[in-house]
Amino acid sequence: MSFVITLYVREGIVMASDSRLTLNTARRQQEQQIVQVAVGQSDSNYKTFLALNSVGISTYGAADIQGVPIAGYIESFISEQLSDEDKVDSVPQKLLDYFKKLPGPPNTQFHVAGYKTENNQREQHVWHVAVSASTVERKNPPGQQGATWGGEADILSRLVQPVGLLDDKGKLAQALPYFQIPWHFFTLQDAIDYAVYAVKVTIDTIRFQPRPKVVGGPIDVLVIRPNEAFWVQRKQLHG
């Protein structure tokens, strides 16, 4: 698993992701007892990519295909399947078609984001692709700012949704103070800061919970603006 987030504000789009690659294995302890074990294999896995025409792609869910990290397949898709003629709204369906042909197919999902010229204006597009469900869905309502995220999403969802205290019968006893995130006031820097916060709070919370440590490592952040795309931070190879 993993955690990715895409924010869309007036000034641009921000995509961020963690770097952990986790292997899920089953181990038999006794004759009839099987223990599921999640092992962190690497903290240098790439999950966000920059394609032609400043189109960003983030991946979460199944991180390998028959034991090969999915990053290599995404890079092959970008270099072999996309051309200068592909716009952001054509990439999601191509991505789905490509991964549906692979063994499995993998239970992988994607965010695809970028800009397209419509009525002489550069319009934001943020798409969600689910390979197993064979679905392609646009996530950003035109003219609105907001965010979408996936993977280990429960932690951030609890932080942005109204919550309360339950009594011993499981009924709401007391609603806790709720402060809605003002997405519509976010600047591009706010979006960058929130993207880093969202990934980091997921990493830090999972660290202290008795659950598989499936989110971790460096945080990659990609910014896409109407006429450019650049990395705010990205892992570098080193020796």
C-alpha atoms as a PDB file:
ATOM      1  CA  MET A   1       0.000   0.000   0.000  1.00  0.00           C
ATOM      2  CA  SER A   2       1.068   3.642   0.124  1.00  0.00           C
ATOM      3  CA  PHE A   3      -0.324   7.146   0.455  1.00  0.00           C
ATOM      4  CA  VAL A   4      -0.702   9.732  -2.294  1.00  0.00           C
ATOM      5  CA  ILE A   5      -2.486  13.076  -2.378  1.00  0.00           C
ATOM      6  CA  THR A   6      -3.344  15.530  -5.139  1.00  0.00           C
ATOM      7  CA  LEU A   7      -4.409  19.100  -4.389  1.00  0.00           C
ATOM      8  CA  TYR A   8      -5.841  21.477  -6.971  1.00  0.00           C
ATOM      9  CA  VAL A   9      -5.841  25.224  -6.288  1.00  0.00           C
ATOM     10  CA  ARG A  10      -6.138  28.286  -8.487  1.00  0.00           C
ATOM     11  CA  GLU A  11      -2.376  28.634  -8.934  1.00  0.00           C
ATOM     12  CA  GLY A  12      -1.621  25.023  -9.744  1.00  0.00           C
ATOM     13  CA  ILE A  13      -1.762  21.325  -8.889  1.00  0.00           C
ATOM     14  CA  VAL A  14       0.344  19.590  -6.231  1.00  0.00           C
ATOM     15  CA  MET A  15       0.952  15.826  -6.183  1.00  0.00           C
ATOM     16  CA  ALA A  16       2.780  14.102  -3.326  1.00  0.00           C
ATOM     17  CA  SER A  17       3.580  10.530  -2.313  1.00  0.00           C
ATOM     18  CA  ASP A  18       5.649   8.446   0.065  1.00  0.00           C
ATOM     19  CA  SER A  19       8.429   6.047  -0.962  1.00  0.00           C
ATOM     20  CA  ARG A  20       7.891   2.753   0.855  1.00  0.00           C
ATOM     21  CA  LEU A  21       7.631  -0.563  -0.946  1.00  0.00           C
ATOM     22  CA  THR A  22       6.080  -3.245   1.276  1.00  0.00           C
ATOM     23  CA  LEU A  23       5.957  -6.978   0.652  1.00  0.00           C
ATOM     24  CA  ASN A  24       2.980  -8.881   2.062  1.00  0.00           C
ATOM     25  CA  THR A  25       3.705 -12.502   2.897  1.00  0.00           C
ATOM     26  CA  ALA A  26       1.925 -15.293   4.776  1.00  0.00           C
ATOM     27  CA  ARG A  27       3.794 -17.347   7.360  1.00  0.00           C
ATOM     28  CA  ARG A  28       2.483 -20.552   8.931  1.00  0.00           C
ATOM     29  CA  GLN A  29       3.187 -20.715  12.665  1.00  0.00           C
ATOM     30  CA  GLN A  30       1.159 -23.788  13.499  1.00  0.00           C
ATOM     31  CA  GLU A  31      -0.676 -26.378  11.482  1.00  0.00           C
ATOM     32  CA  GLN A  32      -3.821 -24.258  11.143  1.00  0.00           C
ATOM     33  CA  GLN A  33      -2.583 -20.770  11.964  1.00  0.00           C
ATOM     34  CA  ILE A  34      -1.368 -18.458   9.213  1.00  0.00           C
ATOM     35  CA  VAL A  35       0.068 -15.039  10.086  1.00  0.00           C
ATOM     36  CA  GLN A  36       0.050 -12.229   7.523  1.00  0.00           C
ATOM     37  CA  VAL A  37       3.323 -10.302   7.613  1.00  0.00           C
ATOM     38  CA  ALA A  38       4.006  -6.944   5.943  1.00  0.00           C
ATOM     39  CA  VAL A  39       7.725  -6.343   5.412  1.00  0.00           C
ATOM     40  CA  GLY A  40       9.133  -2.960   4.376  1.00  0.00           C
ATOM     41  CA  GLN A  41      11.374  -3.848   1.452  1.00  0.00           C
ATOM     42  CA  SER A  42      12.515  -0.395   0.299  1.00  0.00           C
ATOM     43  CA  ASP A  43      12.166   3.314   1.071  1.00  0.00           C
ATOM     44  CA  SER A  44      13.390   4.434  -2.341  1.00  0.00           C
ATOM     45  CA  ASN A  45      10.368   3.517  -4.459  1.00  0.00           C
ATOM     46  CA  TYR A  46       9.006   6.128  -6.889  1.00  0.00           C
ATOM     47  CA  LYS A  47       5.224   6.640  -6.856  1.00  0.00           C
ATOM     48  CA  THR A  48       4.823  10.018  -8.577  1.00  0.00           C
ATOM     49  CA  PHE A  49       5.956  10.594 -12.168  1.00  0.00           C
ATOM     50  CA  LEU A  50       6.092  13.451 -14.670  1.00  0.00           C
ATOM     51  CA  ALA A  51       5.011  12.565 -18.205  1.00  0.00           C
ATOM     52  CA  LEU A  52       4.895  14.536 -21.461  1.00  0.00           C
ATOM     53  CA  ASN A  53       2.857  17.760 -21.625  1.00  0.00           C
ATOM     54  CA  SER A  54       3.345  18.280 -17.887  1.00  0.00           C
ATOM     55  CA  VAL A  55       1.020  15.426 -16.928  1.00  0.00           C
ATOM     56  CA  GLY A  56       1.566  13.993 -13.448  1.00  0.00           C
ATOM     57  CA  ILE A  57       0.863  10.374 -12.517  1.00  0.00           C
ATOM     58  CA  SER A  58       0.754   8.979  -8.963  1.00  0.00           C
ATOM     59  CA  THR A  59       0.200   5.332  -8.058  1.00  0.00           C
ATOM     60  CA  TYR A  60      -1.046   3.501  -4.988  1.00  0.00           C
ATOM     61  CA  GLY A  61      -2.347   0.062  -4.137  1.00  0.00           C
ATOM     62  CA  ALA A  62      -0.500  -2.982  -5.458  1.00  0.00           C
ATOM     63  CA  ALA A  63       3.113  -1.884  -5.862  1.00  0.00           C
ATOM     64  CA  ASP A  64       4.424  -4.778  -7.920  1.00  0.00           C
ATOM     65  CA  ILE A  65       3.447  -6.973 -10.832  1.00  0.00           C
ATOM     66  CA  GLN A  66       4.678 -10.552 -10.503  1.00  0.00           C
ATOM     67  CA  GLY A  67       7.435  -9.405  -8.157  1.00  0.00           C
ATOM     68  CA  VAL A  68       8.597  -6.442 -10.268  1.00  0.00           C
ATOM     69  CA  PRO A  69       8.107  -2.915  -8.797  1.00  0.00           C
ATOM     70  CA  ILE A  70       5.356  -1.054 -10.602  1.00  0.00           C
ATOM     71  CA  ALA A  71       7.520   2.050 -11.085  1.00  0.00           C
ATOM     72  CA  GLY A  72       9.283   0.373 -14.013  1.00  0.00           C
ATOM     73  CA  TYR A  73       5.964  -0.355 -15.703  1.00  0.00           C
ATOM     74  CA  ILE A  74       4.837   3.256 -15.309  1.00  0.00           C
ATOM     75  CA  GLU A  75       8.089   4.535 -16.800  1.00  0.00           C
ATOM     76  CA  SER A  76       7.653   2.111 -19.707  1.00  0.00           C
ATOM     77  CA  PHE A  77       4.078   3.319 -20.189  1.00  0.00           C
ATOM     78  CA  ILE A  78       5.247   6.945 -20.316  1.00  0.00           C
ATOM     79  CA  SER A  79       8.065   6.295 -22.785  1.00  0.00           C
ATOM     80  CA  GLU A  80       6.301   3.746 -25.009  1.00  0.00           C
ATOM     81  CA  GLN A  81       2.604   4.649 -24.956  1.00  0.00           C
ATOM     82  CA  LEU A  82       2.490   8.453 -24.709  1.00  0.00           C
ATOM     83  CA  SER A  83       3.352  11.057 -27.317  1.00  0.00           C
ATOM     84  CA  ASP A  84       3.270  14.844 -27.668  1.00  0.00           C
ATOM     85  CA  GLU A  85      -0.303  14.547 -28.909  1.00  0.00           C
ATOM     86  CA  ASP A  86      -1.604  13.056 -25.643  1.00  0.00           C
ATOM     87  CA  LYS A  87      -3.417  15.482 -23.372  1.00  0.00           C
ATOM     88  CA  VAL A  88      -4.230  15.020 -19.709  1.00  0.00           C
ATOM     89  CA  ASP A  89      -7.759  13.751 -20.412  1.00  0.00           C
ATOM     90  CA  SER A  90      -6.561  11.008 -22.784  1.00  0.00           C
ATOM     91  CA  VAL A  91      -3.890   9.620 -20.432  1.00  0.00           C
ATOM     92  CA  PRO A  92      -6.256   8.007 -17.845  1.00  0.00           C
ATOM     93  CA  GLN A  93      -7.943   5.689 -20.350  1.00  0.00           C
ATOM     94  CA  LYS A  94      -4.608   4.790 -21.940  1.00  0.00           C
ATOM     95  CA  LEU A  95      -3.224   4.040 -18.480  1.00  0.00           C
ATOM     96  CA  LEU A  96      -6.187   1.784 -17.705  1.00  0.00           C
ATOM     97  CA  ASP A  97      -5.920  -0.057 -21.025  1.00  0.00           C
ATOM     98  CA  TYR A  98      -2.177  -0.597 -20.557  1.00  0.00           C
ATOM     99  CA  PHE A  99      -2.415  -2.052 -17.044  1.00  0.00           C
ATOM    100  CA  LYS A 100      -5.510  -4.135 -17.791  1.00  0.00           C
ATOM    101  CA  LYS A 101      -3.386  -6.134 -20.242  1.00  0.00           C
ATOM    102  CA  LEU A 102      -0.778  -6.985 -17.615  1.00  0.00           C
ATOM    103  CA  PRO A 103      -0.924 -10.211 -15.575  1.00  0.00           C
ATOM    104  CA  GLY A 104      -3.558 -10.060 -12.856  1.00  0.00           C
ATOM    105  CA  PRO A 105      -4.452  -7.342 -13.651  1.00  0.00           C
ATOM    106  CA  PRO A 106      -2.907  -5.559 -10.651  1.00  0.00           C
ATOM    107  CA  ASN A 107      -5.111  -4.048  -7.949  1.00  0.00           C
ATOM    108  CA  THR A 108      -3.548  -0.651  -8.556  1.00  0.00           C
ATOM    109  CA  GLN A 109      -5.021   2.845  -8.646  1.00  0.00           C
ATOM    110  CA  PHE A 110      -3.729   6.126 -10.064  1.00  0.00           C
ATOM    111  CA  HIS A 111      -4.105   9.869  -9.915  1.00  0.00           C
ATOM    112  CA  VAL A 112      -3.559  11.652 -13.226  1.00  0.00           C
ATOM    113  CA  ALA A 113      -3.368  15.448 -13.223  1.00  0.00           C
ATOM    114  CA  GLY A 114      -2.487  18.337 -15.504  1.00  0.00           C
ATOM    115  CA  TYR A 115      -3.860  21.099 -17.701  1.00  0.00           C
ATOM    116  CA  LYS A 116      -5.758  21.190 -20.972  1.00  0.00           C
ATOM    117  CA  THR A 117      -6.638  24.202 -23.131  1.00  0.00           C
ATOM    118  CA  GLU A 118     -10.408  24.611 -23.291  1.00  0.00           C
ATOM    119  CA  ASN A 119     -12.113  27.714 -24.716  1.00  0.00           C
ATOM    120  CA  ASN A 120      -8.702  29.426 -24.896  1.00  0.00           C
ATOM    121  CA  GLN A 121      -8.105  28.832 -21.185  1.00  0.00           C
ATOM    122  CA  ARG A 122      -5.871  26.377 -19.347  1.00  0.00           C
ATOM    123  CA  GLU A 123      -8.206  24.134 -17.362  1.00  0.00           C
ATOM    124  CA  GLN A 124      -7.167  21.802 -14.537  1.00  0.00           C
ATOM    125  CA  HIS A 125      -7.907  18.104 -14.825  1.00  0.00           C
ATOM    126  CA  VAL A 126      -7.550  15.617 -11.951  1.00  0.00           C
ATOM    127  CA  TRP A 127      -8.503  12.001 -12.704  1.00  0.00           C
ATOM    128  CA  HIS A 128      -8.741   8.771 -10.737  1.00  0.00           C
ATOM    129  CA  VAL A 129      -8.062   5.412 -12.401  1.00  0.00           C
ATOM    130  CA  ALA A 130      -8.871   2.065 -10.759  1.00  0.00           C
ATOM    131  CA  VAL A 131      -7.450  -0.860 -12.723  1.00  0.00           C
ATOM    132  CA  SER A 132      -9.345  -3.724 -11.054  1.00  0.00           C
ATOM    133  CA  ALA A 133     -12.668  -1.854 -11.224  1.00  0.00           C
ATOM    134  CA  SER A 134     -11.978  -0.669 -14.805  1.00  0.00           C
ATOM    135  CA  THR A 135     -13.065   2.871 -13.919  1.00  0.00           C
ATOM    136  CA  VAL A 136     -11.894   6.316 -14.962  1.00  0.00           C
ATOM    137  CA  GLU A 137     -13.369   9.268 -13.066  1.00  0.00           C
ATOM    138  CA  ARG A 138     -12.670  12.980 -13.045  1.00  0.00           C
ATOM    139  CA  LYS A 139     -12.225  14.199  -9.449  1.00  0.00           C
ATOM    140  CA  ASN A 140     -12.063  18.012  -9.640  1.00  0.00           C
ATOM    141  CA  PRO A 141     -15.293  19.958 -10.155  1.00  0.00           C
ATOM    142  CA  PRO A 142     -14.566  22.796 -12.634  1.00  0.00           C
ATOM    143  CA  GLY A 143     -13.808  26.059 -10.850  1.00  0.00           C
ATOM    144  CA  GLN A 144     -13.391  24.518  -7.389  1.00  0.00           C
ATOM    145  CA  GLN A 145     -10.326  24.027  -5.205  1.00  0.00           C
ATOM    146  CA  GLY A 146      -9.883  20.863  -3.197  1.00  0.00           C
ATOM    147  CA  ALA A 147      -7.959  17.650  -2.666  1.00  0.00           C
ATOM    148  CA  THR A 148      -8.205  13.923  -3.264  1.00  0.00           C
ATOM    149  CA  TRP A 149      -6.105  11.189  -1.700  1.00  0.00           C
ATOM    150  CA  GLY A 150      -5.743   7.422  -1.695  1.00  0.00           C
ATOM    151  CA  GLY A 151      -3.974   4.452  -0.184  1.00  0.00           C
ATOM    152  CA  GLU A 152      -3.829   4.392   3.621  1.00  0.00           C
ATOM    153  CA  ALA A 153      -6.454   7.142   3.655  1.00  0.00           C
ATOM    154  CA  ASP A 154      -8.119   6.544   7.027  1.00  0.00           C
ATOM    155  CA  ILE A 155      -5.744   8.721   9.043  1.00  0.00           C
ATOM    156  CA  LEU A 156      -6.160  11.919   7.029  1.00  0.00           C
ATOM    157  CA  SER A 157      -9.880  11.265   6.566  1.00  0.00           C
ATOM    158  CA  ARG A 158     -10.359  11.214  10.348  1.00  0.00           C
ATOM    159  CA  LEU A 159      -8.553  14.542  10.639  1.00  0.00           C
ATOM    160  CA  VAL A 160     -10.740  16.348   8.111  1.00  0.00           C
ATOM    161  CA  GLN A 161     -14.138  14.788   8.935  1.00  0.00           C
ATOM    162  CA  PRO A 162     -16.454  15.608  11.865  1.00  0.00           C
ATOM    163  CA  VAL A 163     -15.884  13.189  14.753  1.00  0.00           C
ATOM    164  CA  GLY A 164     -17.368  12.627  18.200  1.00  0.00           C
ATOM    165  CA  LEU A 165     -17.295  10.541  21.355  1.00  0.00           C
ATOM    166  CA  LEU A 166     -19.454   7.403  21.549  1.00  0.00           C
ATOM    167  CA  ASP A 167     -21.171   6.033  24.619  1.00  0.00           C
ATOM    168  CA  ASP A 168     -20.997   2.404  25.752  1.00  0.00           C
ATOM    169  CA  LYS A 169     -23.806   1.557  23.327  1.00  0.00           C
ATOM    170  CA  GLY A 170     -21.962   2.966  20.355  1.00  0.00           C
ATOM    171  CA  LYS A 171     -24.189   6.033  20.024  1.00  0.00           C
ATOM    172  CA  LEU A 172     -22.929   9.585  19.612  1.00  0.00           C
ATOM    173  CA  ALA A 173     -22.527  11.103  23.078  1.00  0.00           C
ATOM    174  CA  GLN A 174     -20.670  14.276  22.260  1.00  0.00           C
ATOM    175  CA  ALA A 175     -19.620  15.916  19.009  1.00  0.00           C
ATOM    176  CA  LEU A 176     -16.090  17.279  19.104  1.00  0.00           C
ATOM    177  CA  PRO A 177     -15.214  20.720  17.697  1.00  0.00           C
ATOM    178  CA  TYR A 178     -14.972  20.599  13.925  1.00  0.00           C
ATOM    179  CA  PHE A 179     -13.019  23.021  11.761  1.00  0.00           C
ATOM    180  CA  GLN A 180     -13.408  22.451   8.038  1.00  0.00           C
ATOM    181  CA  ILE A 181     -10.310  22.791   5.855  1.00  0.00           C
ATOM    182  CA  PRO A 182     -10.764  26.010   3.787  1.00  0.00           C
ATOM    183  CA  TRP A 183      -9.536  24.582   0.473  1.00  0.00           C
ATOM    184  CA  HIS A 184     -10.919  27.610  -1.393  1.00  0.00           C
ATOM    185  CA  PHE A 185      -8.425  29.908   0.384  1.00  0.00           C
ATOM    186  CA  PHE A 186      -5.339  27.766  -0.309  1.00  0.00           C
ATOM    187  CA  THR A 187      -2.430  29.337  -2.162  1.00  0.00           C
ATOM    188  CA  LEU A 188       0.014  27.142  -4.078  1.00  0.00           C
ATOM    189  CA  GLN A 189       2.414  27.237  -1.126  1.00  0.00           C
ATOM    190  CA  ASP A 190      -0.416  26.224   1.203  1.00  0.00           C
ATOM    191  CA  ALA A 191      -1.124  23.269  -1.087  1.00  0.00           C
ATOM    192  CA  ILE A 192       2.525  22.226  -1.047  1.00  0.00           C
ATOM    193  CA  ASP A 193       2.682  22.503   2.744  1.00  0.00           C
ATOM    194  CA  TYR A 194      -0.545  20.538   3.162  1.00  0.00           C
ATOM    195  CA  ALA A 195       0.595  17.805   0.778  1.00  0.00           C
ATOM    196  CA  VAL A 196       3.794  17.290   2.779  1.00  0.00           C
ATOM    197  CA  TYR A 197       1.808  17.421   6.033  1.00  0.00           C
ATOM    198  CA  ALA A 198      -0.728  14.852   4.780  1.00  0.00           C
ATOM    199  CA  VAL A 199       1.938  12.304   3.845  1.00  0.00           C
ATOM    200  CA  LYS A 200       4.024  12.974   6.948  1.00  0.00           C
ATOM    201  CA  VAL A 201       1.106  12.709   9.393  1.00  0.00           C
ATOM    202  CA  THR A 202       0.187   9.383   7.796  1.00  0.00           C
ATOM    203  CA  ILE A 203       3.748   8.123   8.172  1.00  0.00           C
ATOM    204  CA  ASP A 204       4.064   9.343  11.767  1.00  0.00           C
ATOM    205  CA  THR A 205       0.672   8.031  12.883  1.00  0.00           C
ATOM    206  CA  ILE A 206       1.213   4.579  11.389  1.00  0.00           C
ATOM    207  CA  ARG A 207       4.562   4.448  13.166  1.00  0.00           C
ATOM    208  CA  PHE A 208       2.832   4.456  16.569  1.00  0.00           C
ATOM    209  CA  GLN A 209      -0.122   2.231  15.673  1.00  0.00           C
ATOM    210  CA  PRO A 210      -0.060  -1.591  15.815  1.00  0.00           C
ATOM    211  CA  ARG A 211      -0.528  -1.932  12.058  1.00  0.00           C
ATOM    212  CA  PRO A 212       1.699  -2.694   9.063  1.00  0.00           C
ATOM    213  CA  LYS A 213       4.202   0.087   8.395  1.00  0.00           C
ATOM    214  CA  VAL A 214       3.236   0.452   4.741  1.00  0.00           C
ATOM    215  CA  VAL A 215       3.818   4.214   4.377  1.00  0.00           C
ATOM    216  CA  GLY A 216       7.246   5.752   4.870  1.00  0.00           C
ATOM    217  CA  GLY A 217      10.462   7.050   3.405  1.00  0.00           C
ATOM    218  CA  PRO A 218      11.139  10.371   1.640  1.00  0.00           C
ATOM    219  CA  ILE A 219       8.227  12.458   0.353  1.00  0.00           C
ATOM    220  CA  ASP A 220       8.195  13.404  -3.338  1.00  0.00           C
ATOM    221  CA  VAL A 221       6.299  16.574  -4.311  1.00  0.00           C
ATOM    222  CA  LEU A 222       5.434  17.582  -7.879  1.00  0.00           C
ATOM    223  CA  VAL A 223       3.938  20.963  -8.845  1.00  0.00           C
ATOM    224  CA  ILE A 224       2.071  21.442 -12.116  1.00  0.00           C
ATOM    225  CA  ARG A 225       1.188  24.968 -13.276  1.00  0.00           C
ATOM    226  CA  PRO A 226      -0.591  26.058 -16.476  1.00  0.00           C
ATOM    227  CA  ASN A 227       2.663  26.310 -18.470  1.00  0.00           C
ATOM    228  CA  GLU A 228       5.245  24.361 -16.463  1.00  0.00           C
ATOM    229  CA  ALA A 229       5.853  21.466 -14.104  1.00  0.00           C
ATOM    230  CA  PHE A 230       8.672  21.038 -11.592  1.00  0.00           C
ATOM    231  CA  TRP A 231       9.727  18.998  -8.566  1.00  0.00           C
ATOM    232  CA  VAL A 232       9.663  20.746  -5.194  1.00  0.00           C
ATOM    233  CA  GLN A 233      11.422  17.720  -3.719  1.00  0.00           C
ATOM    234  CA  ARG A 234      12.318  14.341  -5.171  1.00  0.00           C
ATOM    235  CA  LYS A 235      14.599  11.484  -4.187  1.00  0.00           C
ATOM    236  CA  GLN A 236      17.959  11.506  -5.926  1.00  0.00           C
ATOM    237  CA  LEU A 237      20.183   8.554  -6.721  1.00  0.00           C
ATOM    238  CA  HIS A 238      23.429   8.573  -4.786  1.00  0.00           C
ATOM    239  CA  GLY A 239      26.339   6.344  -3.921  1.00  0.00           C
END
